[in-house]
Protein backbone atom coordinates (compact mmCIF):
# COMPACT_ATOMS: atom_id res chain seq x y z
CA MET A 1 8.55 -58.38 150.50
CA ASN A 2 5.90 -60.67 151.97
CA HIS A 3 7.14 -62.56 154.99
CA THR A 4 6.13 -64.53 158.06
CA LEU A 5 7.21 -63.98 161.68
CA THR A 6 6.65 -66.74 164.22
CA ASP A 7 7.33 -66.60 167.97
CA PHE A 8 8.54 -69.82 169.54
CA GLY A 9 9.79 -70.90 172.96
CA LEU A 10 12.73 -73.31 172.97
CA GLN A 11 12.46 -75.60 176.00
CA LEU A 12 15.72 -76.78 177.55
CA ILE A 13 16.00 -80.42 178.55
CA HIS A 14 17.92 -79.43 181.70
CA PRO A 15 18.17 -76.01 183.38
CA PHE A 16 21.17 -74.29 181.80
CA GLY A 17 23.41 -72.28 184.10
CA ILE A 18 26.18 -69.81 183.33
CA SER A 19 27.80 -67.12 185.48
CA ARG A 20 24.92 -64.70 184.73
CA GLY A 21 22.07 -67.02 185.77
CA ILE A 22 20.01 -70.10 184.94
CA THR A 23 17.67 -70.58 181.96
CA THR A 24 14.94 -73.17 181.37
CA THR A 25 13.35 -71.71 178.24
CA ASN A 26 14.45 -69.31 175.52
CA PRO A 27 12.12 -67.25 173.28
CA VAL A 28 13.14 -67.02 169.62
CA LEU A 29 11.62 -65.51 166.49
CA PHE A 30 11.57 -67.24 163.09
CA PHE A 31 11.62 -65.07 159.96
CA GLU A 32 10.56 -66.50 156.58
CA LEU A 33 10.63 -64.71 153.26
CA GLU A 34 8.01 -65.50 150.64
CA GLY A 35 9.43 -67.84 148.03
CA GLY A 36 12.10 -69.28 150.31
CA GLY A 37 14.59 -68.19 152.92
CA VAL A 38 14.39 -68.73 156.66
CA GLY A 39 16.22 -67.09 159.55
CA GLU A 40 16.21 -67.21 163.34
CA CYS A 41 16.52 -64.50 165.98
CA SER A 42 17.68 -65.63 169.41
CA PRO A 43 17.99 -62.32 171.29
CA VAL A 44 21.23 -61.66 173.18
CA LYS A 45 19.93 -61.12 176.70
CA TYR A 46 22.98 -59.37 178.14
CA LYS A 47 22.58 -56.81 175.35
CA LYS A 48 18.96 -56.21 176.47
CA GLN A 49 17.53 -57.57 173.22
CA THR A 50 13.97 -58.93 173.13
CA VAL A 51 11.78 -60.82 170.69
CA SER A 52 9.23 -58.01 170.65
CA ASP A 53 11.86 -55.46 169.60
CA ALA A 54 13.20 -57.89 166.99
CA ARG A 55 9.72 -58.29 165.51
CA VAL A 56 9.50 -54.53 164.95
CA TRP A 57 12.87 -54.43 163.24
CA LEU A 58 12.26 -57.48 161.05
CA GLU A 59 9.02 -55.95 159.78
CA LYS A 60 11.10 -52.96 158.69
CA PHE A 61 13.91 -55.07 157.23
CA ALA A 62 11.44 -57.03 155.09
CA GLY A 63 10.43 -53.74 153.47
CA LEU A 64 13.99 -53.32 152.20
CA VAL A 65 13.74 -56.39 149.94
CA THR A 66 12.50 -55.96 146.39
CA GLU A 67 12.54 -58.13 143.28
CA GLU A 68 15.45 -56.04 142.01
CA ASN A 69 17.72 -56.20 145.08
CA GLN A 70 16.73 -59.52 146.68
CA PHE A 71 20.14 -61.08 145.92
CA ASP A 72 22.23 -58.06 146.93
CA LEU A 73 23.44 -59.41 150.26
CA ASP A 74 25.98 -56.67 150.86
CA THR A 75 23.57 -53.77 150.45
CA LEU A 76 20.65 -55.35 152.29
CA THR A 77 22.63 -56.53 155.33
CA ARG A 78 24.50 -53.22 155.52
CA LYS A 79 21.23 -51.27 155.50
CA ALA A 80 19.79 -53.47 158.25
CA ARG A 81 22.86 -52.99 160.45
CA ALA A 82 22.71 -49.22 159.92
CA MET A 83 19.01 -49.11 160.81
CA ALA A 84 19.34 -51.19 163.97
CA PRO A 85 22.94 -51.17 165.28
CA ASP A 86 21.87 -52.54 168.68
CA ALA A 87 19.63 -55.31 167.31
CA SER A 88 22.27 -57.83 166.25
CA ALA A 89 20.05 -60.91 166.59
CA ALA A 90 17.27 -59.36 164.49
CA CYS A 91 19.87 -58.43 161.87
CA ALA A 92 21.12 -62.02 162.01
CA ALA A 93 17.66 -63.45 161.32
CA PHE A 94 17.37 -61.18 158.27
CA ASP A 95 20.89 -62.06 157.11
CA LEU A 96 20.31 -65.82 157.48
CA ALA A 97 17.05 -65.70 155.54
CA LEU A 98 18.73 -63.76 152.72
CA HIS A 99 21.66 -66.19 152.53
CA ASP A 100 19.29 -69.16 152.58
CA ARG A 101 17.18 -67.60 149.82
CA CYS A 102 20.17 -66.80 147.60
CA ALA A 103 21.79 -70.22 147.97
CA ARG A 104 18.50 -71.97 147.28
CA ALA A 105 18.02 -69.86 144.15
CA VAL A 106 21.25 -71.23 142.65
CA ASN A 107 20.68 -74.74 144.07
CA LEU A 108 23.82 -74.77 146.22
CA PRO A 109 24.41 -75.70 149.83
CA LEU A 110 25.25 -72.59 151.78
CA TYR A 111 28.92 -73.43 152.41
CA LYS A 112 29.51 -73.78 148.66
CA PHE A 113 27.53 -70.61 147.90
CA MET A 114 29.78 -68.68 150.32
CA GLY A 115 32.97 -70.19 148.89
CA PHE A 116 33.94 -72.16 152.01
CA PRO A 117 35.15 -75.76 151.98
CA LYS A 118 32.70 -78.43 152.99
CA PRO A 119 33.07 -79.13 156.71
CA GLN A 120 34.57 -82.61 157.05
CA ASN A 121 32.47 -83.83 159.96
CA PRO A 122 34.19 -81.57 162.52
CA LEU A 123 33.78 -82.17 166.25
CA SER A 124 31.65 -79.91 168.41
CA SER A 125 31.94 -79.66 172.17
CA PHE A 126 29.01 -80.48 174.44
CA THR A 127 28.28 -77.88 177.11
CA ILE A 128 27.90 -78.59 180.82
CA GLY A 129 26.15 -75.64 182.47
CA ILE A 130 26.78 -74.41 186.01
CA ASP A 131 24.99 -76.48 188.63
CA THR A 132 25.84 -78.37 191.78
CA ASP A 133 29.01 -80.42 191.52
CA GLU A 134 26.94 -83.58 191.65
CA LYS A 135 24.71 -82.45 188.77
CA MET A 136 27.66 -81.30 186.66
CA VAL A 137 29.40 -84.65 187.13
CA GLU A 138 26.13 -86.44 186.33
CA LYS A 139 25.77 -84.43 183.09
CA THR A 140 29.41 -85.17 182.28
CA LEU A 141 28.76 -88.90 182.58
CA GLU A 142 25.59 -88.57 180.47
CA ALA A 143 27.74 -87.01 177.72
CA ALA A 144 30.05 -90.02 177.67
CA SER A 145 29.96 -90.32 173.87
CA PHE A 146 31.22 -86.76 173.35
CA PRO A 147 35.02 -86.42 173.15
CA LEU A 148 34.90 -82.63 173.75
CA LEU A 149 33.30 -80.91 176.73
CA LYS A 150 32.82 -77.22 177.46
CA ILE A 151 32.48 -76.51 181.18
CA LYS A 152 30.72 -73.37 182.35
CA LEU A 153 32.37 -71.78 185.38
CA GLY A 154 32.90 -68.15 186.45
CA ARG A 155 31.60 -67.94 190.01
CA ASP A 156 34.64 -65.77 190.97
CA ASP A 157 35.54 -68.25 193.65
CA ALA A 158 38.72 -69.94 192.50
CA ASP A 159 38.56 -72.73 195.06
CA ARG A 160 34.94 -73.58 194.31
CA ASP A 161 35.32 -73.46 190.53
CA MET A 162 38.50 -75.52 190.55
CA THR A 163 37.00 -78.09 192.93
CA THR A 164 34.19 -78.50 190.40
CA LEU A 165 36.63 -78.79 187.54
CA ARG A 166 38.76 -81.40 189.31
CA LYS A 167 35.65 -83.54 189.88
CA ILE A 168 34.70 -83.26 186.22
CA ARG A 169 38.22 -84.14 185.12
CA GLU A 170 38.13 -87.19 187.40
CA ALA A 171 34.82 -88.23 185.80
CA ALA A 172 36.17 -87.64 182.27
CA PRO A 173 39.91 -88.37 182.38
CA GLY A 174 40.43 -88.77 178.66
CA LYS A 175 38.28 -86.00 177.23
CA VAL A 176 39.28 -82.66 175.75
CA ILE A 177 37.85 -80.04 178.12
CA ARG A 178 37.38 -76.33 177.52
CA VAL A 179 36.50 -73.82 180.24
CA ASP A 180 34.17 -70.83 179.77
CA ALA A 181 33.92 -68.30 182.60
CA ASN A 182 31.40 -66.02 180.80
CA CYS A 183 32.99 -62.82 182.20
CA GLY A 184 32.67 -64.11 185.76
CA TRP A 185 36.25 -64.03 187.06
CA SER A 186 38.27 -61.17 188.43
CA LEU A 187 41.82 -60.88 187.15
CA GLU A 188 43.30 -62.49 190.27
CA THR A 189 40.81 -65.35 190.21
CA ALA A 190 41.49 -65.90 186.51
CA LYS A 191 45.22 -66.09 187.12
CA LYS A 192 44.82 -68.65 189.92
CA CYS A 193 42.40 -70.74 187.91
CA SER A 194 44.52 -70.69 184.75
CA PHE A 195 47.37 -72.61 186.35
CA VAL A 196 45.04 -75.23 187.79
CA CYS A 197 43.37 -75.51 184.38
CA ALA A 198 46.77 -76.10 182.80
CA ASP A 199 47.57 -78.82 185.35
CA LEU A 200 44.25 -80.49 184.54
CA GLY A 201 44.98 -80.48 180.80
CA ILE A 202 42.31 -77.96 179.83
CA GLU A 203 42.49 -76.94 176.15
CA PHE A 204 41.72 -73.21 176.51
CA ILE A 205 39.95 -70.61 178.64
CA GLU A 206 37.10 -68.59 177.18
CA GLN A 207 36.15 -65.04 178.22
CA PRO A 208 37.57 -65.03 181.75
CA LEU A 209 37.03 -61.31 182.45
CA ALA A 210 34.28 -58.72 182.20
CA ILE A 211 33.50 -57.19 178.82
CA GLY A 212 35.85 -54.36 177.90
CA SER A 213 38.59 -55.24 180.43
CA TYR A 214 41.25 -54.85 177.77
CA GLU A 215 44.22 -53.90 179.96
CA ALA A 216 43.46 -56.70 182.43
CA LEU A 217 42.98 -59.10 179.53
CA ALA A 218 46.40 -58.20 178.17
CA GLU A 219 47.93 -58.82 181.60
CA PHE A 220 46.11 -62.12 181.91
CA LYS A 221 47.30 -63.30 178.50
CA ARG A 222 50.91 -62.55 179.45
CA VAL A 223 50.79 -64.98 182.38
CA CYS A 224 48.15 -67.51 181.29
CA PRO A 225 49.68 -70.86 180.31
CA LEU A 226 46.72 -71.67 178.05
CA PRO A 227 45.21 -70.03 174.95
CA VAL A 228 42.73 -67.25 175.75
CA ILE A 229 39.57 -67.06 173.63
CA ALA A 230 37.34 -63.98 173.64
CA ASP A 231 33.56 -64.39 173.46
CA GLU A 232 31.41 -61.63 174.97
CA ASP A 233 34.08 -59.13 173.87
CA VAL A 234 33.51 -60.37 170.31
CA GLN A 235 30.53 -58.71 168.67
CA ASP A 236 31.11 -57.52 165.11
CA LEU A 237 34.17 -56.77 162.99
CA GLN A 238 34.81 -53.42 164.69
CA SER A 239 34.87 -55.05 168.14
CA LEU A 240 37.93 -57.10 167.21
CA VAL A 241 40.32 -54.16 166.92
CA PRO A 242 40.89 -53.60 170.68
CA LEU A 243 41.51 -57.34 171.14
CA VAL A 244 44.63 -57.41 168.96
CA GLY A 245 47.57 -58.64 171.02
CA LYS A 246 45.33 -59.57 173.95
CA VAL A 247 43.81 -62.92 172.93
CA ASP A 248 44.68 -66.07 171.03
CA GLY A 249 41.33 -66.54 169.38
CA ILE A 250 37.72 -65.43 169.09
CA ASN A 251 34.33 -67.11 169.43
CA ILE A 252 32.03 -65.90 166.65
CA LYS A 253 28.30 -66.19 167.29
CA LEU A 254 25.93 -65.20 164.53
CA MET A 255 23.40 -63.64 166.90
CA LYS A 256 26.09 -61.19 168.01
CA SER A 257 27.81 -60.66 164.68
CA THR A 258 24.56 -59.69 162.86
CA GLY A 259 24.81 -62.82 160.75
CA LEU A 260 26.90 -64.58 158.14
CA TRP A 261 27.99 -61.59 156.08
CA GLU A 262 29.74 -59.90 158.99
CA ALA A 263 30.99 -63.22 160.38
CA ARG A 264 32.84 -63.86 157.12
CA GLN A 265 34.69 -60.54 157.50
CA MET A 266 35.52 -61.45 161.10
CA ILE A 267 37.02 -64.77 159.99
CA ALA A 268 39.26 -62.92 157.53
CA PHE A 269 40.37 -60.53 160.29
CA ALA A 270 41.12 -63.43 162.62
CA ARG A 271 43.21 -65.15 160.00
CA ALA A 272 45.21 -61.98 159.43
CA HIS A 273 46.09 -61.93 163.14
CA ASP A 274 46.79 -65.68 163.44
CA TRP A 275 43.88 -66.13 165.81
CA GLN A 276 42.02 -69.36 166.35
CA VAL A 277 38.45 -69.17 165.06
CA MET A 278 35.77 -70.74 167.22
CA LEU A 279 32.12 -70.87 166.20
CA GLY A 280 29.58 -70.80 169.00
CA CYS A 281 25.88 -70.30 169.50
CA MET A 282 23.24 -68.93 171.79
CA ILE A 283 20.28 -71.17 172.64
CA GLU A 284 19.08 -71.70 169.08
CA SER A 285 17.17 -74.16 166.96
CA SER A 286 18.62 -76.03 163.98
CA ILE A 287 18.29 -72.89 161.84
CA GLY A 288 20.92 -70.90 163.70
CA ILE A 289 23.09 -73.98 164.24
CA ALA A 290 23.01 -74.94 160.56
CA ALA A 291 24.00 -71.42 159.50
CA ALA A 292 27.08 -71.47 161.74
CA ALA A 293 27.89 -75.05 160.73
CA HIS A 294 28.21 -74.01 157.08
CA LEU A 295 31.16 -71.82 158.20
CA ALA A 296 32.82 -74.70 160.05
CA GLY A 297 35.38 -75.33 157.31
CA ALA A 298 37.06 -72.06 158.39
CA ALA A 299 37.11 -72.82 162.14
CA VAL A 300 39.36 -74.81 164.45
CA ALA A 301 36.87 -75.17 167.32
CA LEU A 302 33.09 -75.58 167.42
CA ASP A 303 30.56 -75.21 170.19
CA LEU A 304 27.35 -75.81 168.26
CA ASP A 305 25.44 -78.15 170.54
CA SER A 306 22.33 -76.05 171.21
CA GLU A 307 19.93 -78.31 169.35
CA LEU A 308 20.91 -81.16 171.70
CA LEU A 309 20.11 -79.01 174.74
CA ILE A 310 16.50 -78.30 173.68
CA GLY A 311 13.62 -80.73 173.72
CA ASN A 312 11.30 -79.16 171.13
CA ASN A 313 13.41 -78.34 168.08
CA PRO A 314 10.83 -77.24 165.47
CA CYS A 315 13.04 -77.85 162.43
CA THR A 316 14.36 -80.55 160.19
CA PRO A 317 18.10 -80.21 160.93
CA GLY A 318 20.46 -78.90 158.27
CA ALA A 319 23.43 -79.89 160.41
CA ILE A 320 23.14 -83.00 162.53
CA LEU A 321 25.26 -83.36 165.66
CA GLN A 322 26.01 -87.05 166.05
CA PRO A 323 26.29 -88.85 169.41
CA ASN A 324 30.09 -88.90 168.94
CA GLY A 325 30.21 -85.11 168.58
CA GLU A 326 30.64 -85.08 164.79
CA LEU A 327 28.73 -82.35 163.00
CA HIS A 328 27.35 -83.50 159.65
CA VAL A 329 26.39 -80.61 157.37
CA SER A 330 23.63 -81.01 154.79
CA ASP A 331 24.25 -80.78 151.04
CA ARG A 332 20.69 -79.65 150.42
CA PRO A 333 20.33 -76.15 148.91
CA GLY A 334 20.68 -73.21 151.27
CA LEU A 335 20.76 -73.91 154.99
CA GLY A 336 19.22 -77.31 154.37
CA VAL A 337 16.65 -76.62 157.11
CA GLU A 338 12.86 -76.55 157.00
CA LEU A 339 10.59 -75.22 159.73
CA ALA A 340 8.05 -77.81 160.87
CA LEU A 341 5.64 -75.55 162.73
CA PRO A 342 1.85 -76.03 162.75
CA ARG A 343 0.25 -73.55 160.36
C-alpha cells in the first residue's frame, strides 16, 4: 500500500538524564498509510534499534497491506512481528497506523474501537531526569502544578541517590512520588534504597535491577516494603512469564510491546496475575502518547508526559496533558492526531 515515511528529530526542552546517559534530542520516524492512518517509531536505544533500520522494515510492512486485508489487525501485526522480531518500535509504528486507519474507517475514537472504557481524565506523572541535585530540585519546583512526579535515579550509590530524593521530597512535601532506577541499582543498593523510599512516602519503585535478574528480583520483592514495577524487563507478552511472582506490576510501553495489539494481550495477562498496569512512553510525539492514552482506562498508573518534555511536537495532540497532570483523550476518530509537518 502507498505510504509516507518521514524522519524527524524531537528536541528536548531540558537535557534528559537516566541511569544509562543523557539525551538532548531523539530521532523518530513517522509512518502514514495512504487514505488515513498514522504511526510513530521511537527506536528503543538499549535494544540497538535505529531509525534507518526501522525505515527498511516499514517499507516491507507496507507491502503486506492490501485492499482485502487492510482491516485484519491480527494477521498484519502478527506477520510484522514474525518478520522483524527485534524491531519492536518499527512494528509499533505499523500497528499504530493500522489501528488509527481502522478506527477512522468506522468513525470511532480508538479507545471505543478497541472496546476499552473512555479514560476519565486520569493523572500522569511528570518525569524529573537525572541531573545535579540543584537542577533536579529546580525542575521539581517548575512542575509545581503536577501532583505526581517520577524521579529518575539509579546511580548505584545509595547515599547519593537517597540524598537527591530527600531534597526532592523536601521541595515537594505533598506530592505523590515514584522512583525509577532504570536497571541502575545492584541488589544491595536497591534494598538499602527501598527502605529510605518507604520512609519518604514513595509510591513504588520501578525497574531497580538489571534486565533478566529474575532471582535477584524475587529476593528484592520479598524484602521491599513498596510495590515493585518492572519496565525494561517488560517487552512483549512472552517476556511477562518469568516475572510471575517477582513483581507487583508492569510498565507497558508501545515501542517495546510492538504496539497496541500486543499491549492489549499484556493487559489481560497482568489482570490475570493481579498486577498493576502502568502505561509509559519513550521520548515520543503526540502520536505515540495518544495511542497509549487510549488504553488508559485499563491502567492504574500513567507516565505519558513525553510531549511536555519536547519543544517541537509536530502534531495536533490526540491526548492533551493538562498543567494539573490530567490527561484528556480526544473523541475524534482514530488516534485523534494529525501530523503538521511541512510538505
